Amino acid sequence: RYARQVDVEPASAPGSVLRCRLRATTDSTVTGDRVAFRRQPPAAEGLPAGGVVVARLPRHGELKRPDNYGKLKVVAANIDRVVVV
């Protein structure tokens, strides 16, 4: 995540990454979130294609930690395994 932009790996093209903008109405996203996005062509010649995240899909698991104020904050989602080293 980079401010109001995120890197999205499409399920249809594993290994490729698109830089997408977040809509203001989109819920907060974290690493591991699955999202619905709409592709957009490059703004100018030579720039990579991107897209817009239109929705965050439901999460099936969350990893949380307390923030500076003691409230739990989600730091990762949809995790299948956790290994503590």
PDB file of N, CA and C in Angstrom:
ATOM      1  N   ARG A   1       0.846  -1.172   0.000  1.00  0.00           N
ATOM      2  CA  ARG A   1       0.000   0.000   0.000  1.00  0.00           C
ATOM      3  C   ARG A   1       0.889   1.232   0.000  1.00  0.00           C
ATOM      4  N   TYR A   2       0.529   2.198  -0.813  1.00  0.00           N
ATOM      5  CA  TYR A   2       1.252   3.456  -0.947  1.00  0.00           C
ATOM      6  C   TYR A   2       0.237   4.593  -0.915  1.00  0.00           C
ATOM      7  N   ALA A   3      -0.032   5.141   0.274  1.00  0.00           N
ATOM      8  CA  ALA A   3      -1.032   6.208   0.454  1.00  0.00           C
ATOM      9  C   ALA A   3      -2.387   5.714  -0.046  1.00  0.00           C
ATOM     10  N   ARG A   4      -2.919   6.261  -1.113  1.00  0.00           N
ATOM     11  CA  ARG A   4      -4.219   5.847  -1.657  1.00  0.00           C
ATOM     12  C   ARG A   4      -4.050   4.907  -2.854  1.00  0.00           C
ATOM     13  N   GLN A   5      -2.896   4.244  -2.956  1.00  0.00           N
ATOM     14  CA  GLN A   5      -2.647   3.292  -4.028  1.00  0.00           C
ATOM     15  C   GLN A   5      -2.226   1.955  -3.426  1.00  0.00           C
ATOM     16  N   VAL A   6      -2.547   0.879  -4.119  1.00  0.00           N
ATOM     17  CA  VAL A   6      -2.171  -0.463  -3.682  1.00  0.00           C
ATOM     18  C   VAL A   6      -1.676  -1.257  -4.878  1.00  0.00           C
ATOM     19  N   ASP A   7      -0.841  -2.254  -4.612  1.00  0.00           N
ATOM     20  CA  ASP A   7      -0.435  -3.190  -5.652  1.00  0.00           C
ATOM     21  C   ASP A   7      -1.393  -4.367  -5.614  1.00  0.00           C
ATOM     22  N   VAL A   8      -1.953  -4.720  -6.776  1.00  0.00           N
ATOM     23  CA  VAL A   8      -2.924  -5.795  -6.890  1.00  0.00           C
ATOM     24  C   VAL A   8      -2.368  -6.866  -7.815  1.00  0.00           C
ATOM     25  N   GLU A   9      -2.444  -8.129  -7.364  1.00  0.00           N
ATOM     26  CA  GLU A   9      -2.048  -9.254  -8.211  1.00  0.00           C
ATOM     27  C   GLU A   9      -3.318  -9.932  -8.697  1.00  0.00           C
ATOM     28  N   PRO A  10      -3.659  -9.779  -9.986  1.00  0.00           N
ATOM     29  CA  PRO A  10      -4.901 -10.369 -10.500  1.00  0.00           C
ATOM     30  C   PRO A  10      -4.861 -11.897 -10.443  1.00  0.00           C
ATOM     31  N   ALA A  11      -5.988 -12.514 -10.077  1.00  0.00           N
ATOM     32  CA  ALA A  11      -6.074 -13.977 -10.033  1.00  0.00           C
ATOM     33  C   ALA A  11      -5.926 -14.565 -11.427  1.00  0.00           C
ATOM     34  N   SER A  12      -6.308 -13.788 -12.457  1.00  0.00           N
ATOM     35  CA  SER A  12      -6.228 -14.271 -13.836  1.00  0.00           C
ATOM     36  C   SER A  12      -4.805 -14.245 -14.382  1.00  0.00           C
ATOM     37  N   ALA A  13      -3.902 -13.516 -13.705  1.00  0.00           N
ATOM     38  CA  ALA A  13      -2.509 -13.407 -14.171  1.00  0.00           C
ATOM     39  C   ALA A  13      -1.560 -13.421 -12.973  1.00  0.00           C
ATOM     40  N   PRO A  14      -1.415 -14.592 -12.307  1.00  0.00           N
ATOM     41  CA  PRO A  14      -0.534 -14.656 -11.139  1.00  0.00           C
ATOM     42  C   PRO A  14       0.888 -14.229 -11.496  1.00  0.00           C
ATOM     43  N   GLY A  15       1.508 -13.480 -10.595  1.00  0.00           N
ATOM     44  CA  GLY A  15       2.872 -13.007 -10.822  1.00  0.00           C
ATOM     45  C   GLY A  15       2.940 -11.601 -11.394  1.00  0.00           C
ATOM     46  N   SER A  16       1.870 -11.152 -12.046  1.00  0.00           N
ATOM     47  CA  SER A  16       1.857  -9.779 -12.553  1.00  0.00           C
ATOM     48  C   SER A  16       1.225  -8.880 -11.489  1.00  0.00           C
ATOM     49  N   VAL A  17       1.649  -7.626 -11.458  1.00  0.00           N
ATOM     50  CA  VAL A  17       1.166  -6.689 -10.448  1.00  0.00           C
ATOM     51  C   VAL A  17       0.691  -5.413 -11.122  1.00  0.00           C
ATOM     52  N   LEU A  18      -0.474  -4.928 -10.697  1.00  0.00           N
ATOM     53  CA  LEU A  18      -1.012  -3.659 -11.190  1.00  0.00           C
ATOM     54  C   LEU A  18      -1.072  -2.665 -10.038  1.00  0.00           C
ATOM     55  N   ARG A  19      -0.655  -1.432 -10.291  1.00  0.00           N
ATOM     56  CA  ARG A  19      -0.803  -0.366  -9.291  1.00  0.00           C
ATOM     57  C   ARG A  19      -2.194   0.218  -9.464  1.00  0.00           C
ATOM     58  N   CYS A  20      -3.016   0.136  -8.414  1.00  0.00           N
ATOM     59  CA  CYS A  20      -4.402   0.596  -8.468  1.00  0.00           C
ATOM     60  C   CYS A  20      -4.651   1.690  -7.439  1.00  0.00           C
ATOM     61  N   ARG A  21      -5.541   2.596  -7.775  1.00  0.00           N
ATOM     62  CA  ARG A  21      -5.978   3.629  -6.843  1.00  0.00           C
ATOM     63  C   ARG A  21      -7.127   3.083  -6.010  1.00  0.00           C
ATOM     64  N   LEU A  22      -7.240   3.555  -4.771  1.00  0.00           N
ATOM     65  CA  LEU A  22      -8.358   3.181  -3.910  1.00  0.00           C
ATOM     66  C   LEU A  22      -9.442   4.236  -4.019  1.00  0.00           C
ATOM     67  N   ARG A  23     -10.669   3.819  -4.180  1.00  0.00           N
ATOM     68  CA  ARG A  23     -11.780   4.763  -4.119  1.00  0.00           C
ATOM     69  C   ARG A  23     -11.935   5.239  -2.690  1.00  0.00           C
ATOM     70  N   ALA A  24     -12.427   6.448  -2.514  1.00  0.00           N
ATOM     71  CA  ALA A  24     -12.618   7.009  -1.174  1.00  0.00           C
ATOM     72  C   ALA A  24     -13.637   6.196  -0.376  1.00  0.00           C
ATOM     73  N   THR A  25     -14.546   5.525  -1.062  1.00  0.00           N
ATOM     74  CA  THR A  25     -15.577   4.752  -0.381  1.00  0.00           C
ATOM     75  C   THR A  25     -15.138   3.328  -0.036  1.00  0.00           C
ATOM     76  N   THR A  26     -13.937   2.927  -0.462  1.00  0.00           N
ATOM     77  CA  THR A  26     -13.441   1.581  -0.195  1.00  0.00           C
ATOM     78  C   THR A  26     -12.981   1.469   1.255  1.00  0.00           C
ATOM     79  N   ASP A  27     -13.373   0.377   1.915  1.00  0.00           N
ATOM     80  CA  ASP A  27     -12.921   0.127   3.288  1.00  0.00           C
ATOM     81  C   ASP A  27     -11.405   0.007   3.318  1.00  0.00           C
ATOM     82  N   SER A  28     -10.838   0.156   4.494  1.00  0.00           N
ATOM     83  CA  SER A  28      -9.400   0.041   4.682  1.00  0.00           C
ATOM     84  C   SER A  28      -8.899  -1.315   4.186  1.00  0.00           C
ATOM     85  N   THR A  29      -7.773  -1.328   3.510  1.00  0.00           N
ATOM     86  CA  THR A  29      -7.192  -2.569   3.011  1.00  0.00           C
ATOM     87  C   THR A  29      -5.856  -2.837   3.681  1.00  0.00           C
ATOM     88  N   VAL A  30      -5.519  -4.120   3.807  1.00  0.00           N
ATOM     89  CA  VAL A  30      -4.239  -4.555   4.363  1.00  0.00           C
ATOM     90  C   VAL A  30      -3.691  -5.659   3.470  1.00  0.00           C
ATOM     91  N   THR A  31      -2.450  -6.048   3.719  1.00  0.00           N
ATOM     92  CA  THR A  31      -1.843  -7.138   2.975  1.00  0.00           C
ATOM     93  C   THR A  31      -2.702  -8.392   3.094  1.00  0.00           C
ATOM     94  N   GLY A  32      -2.947  -9.035   1.965  1.00  0.00           N
ATOM     95  CA  GLY A  32      -3.733 -10.262   1.957  1.00  0.00           C
ATOM     96  C   GLY A  32      -5.196 -10.070   1.624  1.00  0.00           C
ATOM     97  N   ASP A  33      -5.679  -8.831   1.627  1.00  0.00           N
ATOM     98  CA  ASP A  33      -7.082  -8.592   1.279  1.00  0.00           C
ATOM     99  C   ASP A  33      -7.338  -8.960  -0.175  1.00  0.00           C
ATOM    100  N   ARG A  34      -8.506  -9.517  -0.409  1.00  0.00           N
ATOM    101  CA  ARG A  34      -8.954  -9.751  -1.776  1.00  0.00           C
ATOM    102  C   ARG A  34      -9.867  -8.587  -2.138  1.00  0.00           C
ATOM    103  N   VAL A  35      -9.697  -8.071  -3.355  1.00  0.00           N
ATOM    104  CA  VAL A  35     -10.446  -6.891  -3.768  1.00  0.00           C
ATOM    105  C   VAL A  35     -11.058  -7.087  -5.148  1.00  0.00           C
ATOM    106  N   ALA A  36     -12.089  -6.315  -5.429  1.00  0.00           N
ATOM    107  CA  ALA A  36     -12.654  -6.219  -6.769  1.00  0.00           C
ATOM    108  C   ALA A  36     -12.100  -4.930  -7.363  1.00  0.00           C
ATOM    109  N   PHE A  37     -11.553  -5.019  -8.573  1.00  0.00           N
ATOM    110  CA  PHE A  37     -10.987  -3.831  -9.196  1.00  0.00           C
ATOM    111  C   PHE A  37     -11.353  -3.772 -10.667  1.00  0.00           C
ATOM    112  N   ARG A  38     -11.246  -2.580 -11.220  1.00  0.00           N
ATOM    113  CA  ARG A  38     -11.540  -2.344 -12.631  1.00  0.00           C
ATOM    114  C   ARG A  38     -10.252  -1.868 -13.298  1.00  0.00           C
ATOM    115  N   ARG A  39      -9.854  -2.541 -14.362  1.00  0.00           N
ATOM    116  CA  ARG A  39      -8.635  -2.140 -15.089  1.00  0.00           C
ATOM    117  C   ARG A  39      -8.856  -0.827 -15.824  1.00  0.00           C
ATOM    118  N   GLN A  40      -7.776  -0.052 -15.940  1.00  0.00           N
ATOM    119  CA  GLN A  40      -7.808   1.182 -16.715  1.00  0.00           C
ATOM    120  C   GLN A  40      -6.582   1.212 -17.614  1.00  0.00           C
ATOM    121  N   PRO A  41      -6.725   1.765 -18.823  1.00  0.00           N
ATOM    122  CA  PRO A  41      -5.571   1.852 -19.713  1.00  0.00           C
ATOM    123  C   PRO A  41      -4.553   2.858 -19.173  1.00  0.00           C
ATOM    124  N   PRO A  42      -3.313   2.792 -19.652  1.00  0.00           N
ATOM    125  CA  PRO A  42      -2.294   3.755 -19.197  1.00  0.00           C
ATOM    126  C   PRO A  42      -2.702   5.194 -19.512  1.00  0.00           C
ATOM    127  N   ALA A  43      -2.319   6.104 -18.627  1.00  0.00           N
ATOM    128  CA  ALA A  43      -2.658   7.523 -18.816  1.00  0.00           C
ATOM    129  C   ALA A  43      -1.871   8.135 -19.971  1.00  0.00           C
ATOM    130  N   ALA A  44      -0.676   7.639 -20.224  1.00  0.00           N
ATOM    131  CA  ALA A  44       0.147   8.165 -21.308  1.00  0.00           C
ATOM    132  C   ALA A  44       0.999   7.035 -21.878  1.00  0.00           C
ATOM    133  N   GLU A  45       1.518   7.254 -23.057  1.00  0.00           N
ATOM    134  CA  GLU A  45       2.381   6.280 -23.726  1.00  0.00           C
ATOM    135  C   GLU A  45       3.582   5.948 -22.852  1.00  0.00           C
ATOM    136  N   GLY A  46       3.870   4.673 -22.694  1.00  0.00           N
ATOM    137  CA  GLY A  46       5.032   4.257 -21.922  1.00  0.00           C
ATOM    138  C   GLY A  46       4.773   4.036 -20.439  1.00  0.00           C
ATOM    139  N   LEU A  47       3.610   4.470 -19.927  1.00  0.00           N
ATOM    140  CA  LEU A  47       3.279   4.244 -18.521  1.00  0.00           C
ATOM    141  C   LEU A  47       2.587   2.891 -18.375  1.00  0.00           C
ATOM    142  N   PRO A  48       2.757   2.222 -17.238  1.00  0.00           N
ATOM    143  CA  PRO A  48       2.084   0.935 -17.053  1.00  0.00           C
ATOM    144  C   PRO A  48       0.587   1.106 -16.859  1.00  0.00           C
ATOM    145  N   ALA A  49      -0.156   0.068 -17.237  1.00  0.00           N
ATOM    146  CA  ALA A  49      -1.601   0.079 -17.018  1.00  0.00           C
ATOM    147  C   ALA A  49      -1.870  -0.063 -15.525  1.00  0.00           C
ATOM    148  N   GLY A  50      -3.023   0.373 -15.094  1.00  0.00           N
ATOM    149  CA  GLY A  50      -3.372   0.291 -13.683  1.00  0.00           C
ATOM    150  C   GLY A  50      -4.838  -0.012 -13.532  1.00  0.00           C
ATOM    151  N   GLY A  51      -5.409   0.468 -12.445  1.00  0.00           N
ATOM    152  CA  GLY A  51      -6.825   0.227 -12.214  1.00  0.00           C
ATOM    153  C   GLY A  51      -7.332   0.974 -11.013  1.00  0.00           C
ATOM    154  N   VAL A  52      -8.580   0.681 -10.667  1.00  0.00           N
ATOM    155  CA  VAL A  52      -9.235   1.295  -9.525  1.00  0.00           C
ATOM    156  C   VAL A  52      -9.858   0.185  -8.686  1.00  0.00           C
ATOM    157  N   VAL A  53      -9.550   0.156  -7.396  1.00  0.00           N
ATOM    158  CA  VAL A  53     -10.168  -0.806  -6.479  1.00  0.00           C
ATOM    159  C   VAL A  53     -11.558  -0.281  -6.146  1.00  0.00           C
ATOM    160  N   VAL A  54     -12.574  -1.087  -6.443  1.00  0.00           N
ATOM    161  CA  VAL A  54     -13.946  -0.644  -6.220  1.00  0.00           C
ATOM    162  C   VAL A  54     -14.555  -1.233  -4.948  1.00  0.00           C
ATOM    163  N   ALA A  55     -13.997  -2.346  -4.430  1.00  0.00           N
ATOM    164  CA  ALA A  55     -14.541  -2.948  -3.205  1.00  0.00           C
ATOM    165  C   ALA A  55     -13.542  -3.906  -2.589  1.00  0.00           C
ATOM    166  N   ARG A  56     -13.618  -4.022  -1.265  1.00  0.00           N
ATOM    167  CA  ARG A  56     -12.834  -5.037  -0.553  1.00  0.00           C
ATOM    168  C   ARG A  56     -13.772  -6.200  -0.292  1.00  0.00           C
ATOM    169  N   LEU A  57     -13.356  -7.398  -0.668  1.00  0.00           N
ATOM    170  CA  LEU A  57     -14.175  -8.592  -0.476  1.00  0.00           C
ATOM    171  C   LEU A  57     -14.096  -9.041   0.977  1.00  0.00           C
ATOM    172  N   PRO A  58     -15.053  -9.849   1.440  1.00  0.00           N
ATOM    173  CA  PRO A  58     -15.051 -10.289   2.838  1.00  0.00           C
ATOM    174  C   PRO A  58     -13.772 -11.041   3.204  1.00  0.00           C
ATOM    175  N   ARG A  59     -13.324 -10.851   4.443  1.00  0.00           N
ATOM    176  CA  ARG A  59     -12.123 -11.521   4.948  1.00  0.00           C
ATOM    177  C   ARG A  59     -12.515 -12.821   5.647  1.00  0.00           C
ATOM    178  N   HIS A  60     -11.661 -13.855   5.557  1.00  0.00           N
ATOM    179  CA  HIS A  60     -11.938 -15.076   6.315  1.00  0.00           C
ATOM    180  C   HIS A  60     -10.996 -15.224   7.510  1.00  0.00           C
ATOM    181  N   GLY A  61     -10.137 -14.280   7.725  1.00  0.00           N
ATOM    182  CA  GLY A  61      -9.254 -14.301   8.885  1.00  0.00           C
ATOM    183  C   GLY A  61      -8.487 -12.998   8.973  1.00  0.00           C
ATOM    184  N   GLU A  62      -8.110 -12.625  10.184  1.00  0.00           N
ATOM    185  CA  GLU A  62      -7.380 -11.361  10.376  1.00  0.00           C
ATOM    186  C   GLU A  62      -6.269 -11.564  11.403  1.00  0.00           C
ATOM    187  N   LEU A  63      -5.139 -10.930  11.185  1.00  0.00           N
ATOM    188  CA  LEU A  63      -4.066 -10.858  12.164  1.00  0.00           C
ATOM    189  C   LEU A  63      -4.077  -9.427  12.689  1.00  0.00           C
ATOM    190  N   LYS A  64      -4.242  -9.284  14.015  1.00  0.00           N
ATOM    191  CA  LYS A  64      -4.362  -7.954  14.611  1.00  0.00           C
ATOM    192  C   LYS A  64      -3.270  -7.728  15.640  1.00  0.00           C
ATOM    193  N   ARG A  65      -2.968  -6.448  15.874  1.00  0.00           N
ATOM    194  CA  ARG A  65      -2.044  -6.050  16.936  1.00  0.00           C
ATOM    195  C   ARG A  65      -2.548  -4.738  17.522  1.00  0.00           C
ATOM    196  N   PRO A  66      -2.194  -4.440  18.764  1.00  0.00           N
ATOM    197  CA  PRO A  66      -2.636  -3.173  19.344  1.00  0.00           C
ATOM    198  C   PRO A  66      -1.858  -1.997  18.752  1.00  0.00           C
ATOM    199  N   ASP A  67      -2.550  -0.879  18.539  1.00  0.00           N
ATOM    200  CA  ASP A  67      -1.878   0.335  18.073  1.00  0.00           C
ATOM    201  C   ASP A  67      -1.387   1.132  19.286  1.00  0.00           C
ATOM    202  N   ASN A  68      -0.920   2.343  19.068  1.00  0.00           N
ATOM    203  CA  ASN A  68      -0.376   3.183  20.147  1.00  0.00           C
ATOM    204  C   ASN A  68      -1.407   3.543  21.211  1.00  0.00           C
ATOM    205  N   TYR A  69      -2.691   3.416  20.859  1.00  0.00           N
ATOM    206  CA  TYR A  69      -3.761   3.779  21.781  1.00  0.00           C
ATOM    207  C   TYR A  69      -4.419   2.559  22.427  1.00  0.00           C
ATOM    208  N   GLY A  70      -3.897   1.364  22.144  1.00  0.00           N
ATOM    209  CA  GLY A  70      -4.430   0.149  22.728  1.00  0.00           C
ATOM    210  C   GLY A  70      -5.564  -0.499  21.951  1.00  0.00           C
ATOM    211  N   LYS A  71      -5.998   0.119  20.844  1.00  0.00           N
ATOM    212  CA  LYS A  71      -7.044  -0.468  20.009  1.00  0.00           C
ATOM    213  C   LYS A  71      -6.414  -1.492  19.071  1.00  0.00           C
ATOM    214  N   LEU A  72      -7.152  -2.585  18.805  1.00  0.00           N
ATOM    215  CA  LEU A  72      -6.647  -3.595  17.883  1.00  0.00           C
ATOM    216  C   LEU A  72      -6.725  -3.092  16.451  1.00  0.00           C
ATOM    217  N   LYS A  73      -5.636  -3.293  15.717  1.00  0.00           N
ATOM    218  CA  LYS A  73      -5.518  -2.840  14.333  1.00  0.00           C
ATOM    219  C   LYS A  73      -5.212  -4.055  13.463  1.00  0.00           C
ATOM    220  N   VAL A  74      -5.930  -4.226  12.354  1.00  0.00           N
ATOM    221  CA  VAL A  74      -5.682  -5.334  11.434  1.00  0.00           C
ATOM    222  C   VAL A  74      -4.410  -5.033  10.648  1.00  0.00           C
ATOM    223  N   VAL A  75      -3.470  -5.990  10.616  1.00  0.00           N
ATOM    224  CA  VAL A  75      -2.225  -5.798   9.872  1.00  0.00           C
ATOM    225  C   VAL A  75      -2.112  -6.751   8.684  1.00  0.00           C
ATOM    226  N   ALA A  76      -2.900  -7.836   8.673  1.00  0.00           N
ATOM    227  CA  ALA A  76      -2.908  -8.779   7.554  1.00  0.00           C
ATOM    228  C   ALA A  76      -4.242  -9.518   7.553  1.00  0.00           C
ATOM    229  N   ALA A  77      -4.639  -9.986   6.381  1.00  0.00           N
ATOM    230  CA  ALA A  77      -5.938 -10.670   6.252  1.00  0.00           C
ATOM    231  C   ALA A  77      -5.799 -11.938   5.420  1.00  0.00           C
ATOM    232  N   ASN A  78      -6.784 -12.812   5.575  1.00  0.00           N
ATOM    233  CA  ASN A  78      -6.870 -14.048   4.784  1.00  0.00           C
ATOM    234  C   ASN A  78      -5.621 -14.923   4.921  1.00  0.00           C
ATOM    235  N   ILE A  79      -5.151 -15.067   6.146  1.00  0.00           N
ATOM    236  CA  ILE A  79      -3.945 -15.847   6.413  1.00  0.00           C
ATOM    237  C   ILE A  79      -4.339 -17.297   6.677  1.00  0.00           C
ATOM    238  N   ASP A  80      -3.623 -18.213   6.052  1.00  0.00           N
ATOM    239  CA  ASP A  80      -3.883 -19.637   6.258  1.00  0.00           C
ATOM    240  C   ASP A  80      -2.993 -20.236   7.323  1.00  0.00           C
ATOM    241  N   ARG A  81      -1.732 -19.792   7.414  1.00  0.00           N
ATOM    242  CA  ARG A  81      -0.783 -20.307   8.406  1.00  0.00           C
ATOM    243  C   ARG A  81       0.061 -19.180   8.960  1.00  0.00           C
ATOM    244  N   VAL A  82       0.430 -19.324  10.227  1.00  0.00           N
ATOM    245  CA  VAL A  82       1.345 -18.398  10.867  1.00  0.00           C
ATOM    246  C   VAL A  82       2.467 -19.228  11.477  1.00  0.00           C
ATOM    247  N   VAL A  83       3.700 -18.820  11.211  1.00  0.00           N
ATOM    248  CA  VAL A  83       4.866 -19.495  11.766  1.00  0.00           C
ATOM    249  C   VAL A  83       5.614 -18.489  12.615  1.00  0.00           C
ATOM    250  N   VAL A  84       5.808 -18.805  13.878  1.00  0.00           N
ATOM    251  CA  VAL A  84       6.541 -17.931  14.781  1.00  0.00           C
ATOM    252  C   VAL A  84       7.971 -18.419  14.856  1.00  0.00           C
ATOM    253  N   VAL A  85       8.903 -17.527  14.620  1.00  0.00           N
ATOM    254  CA  VAL A  85      10.329 -17.882  14.652  1.00  0.00           C
ATOM    255  C   VAL A  85      11.005 -17.158  15.787  1.00  0.00           C
TER     256      VAL A  85
END
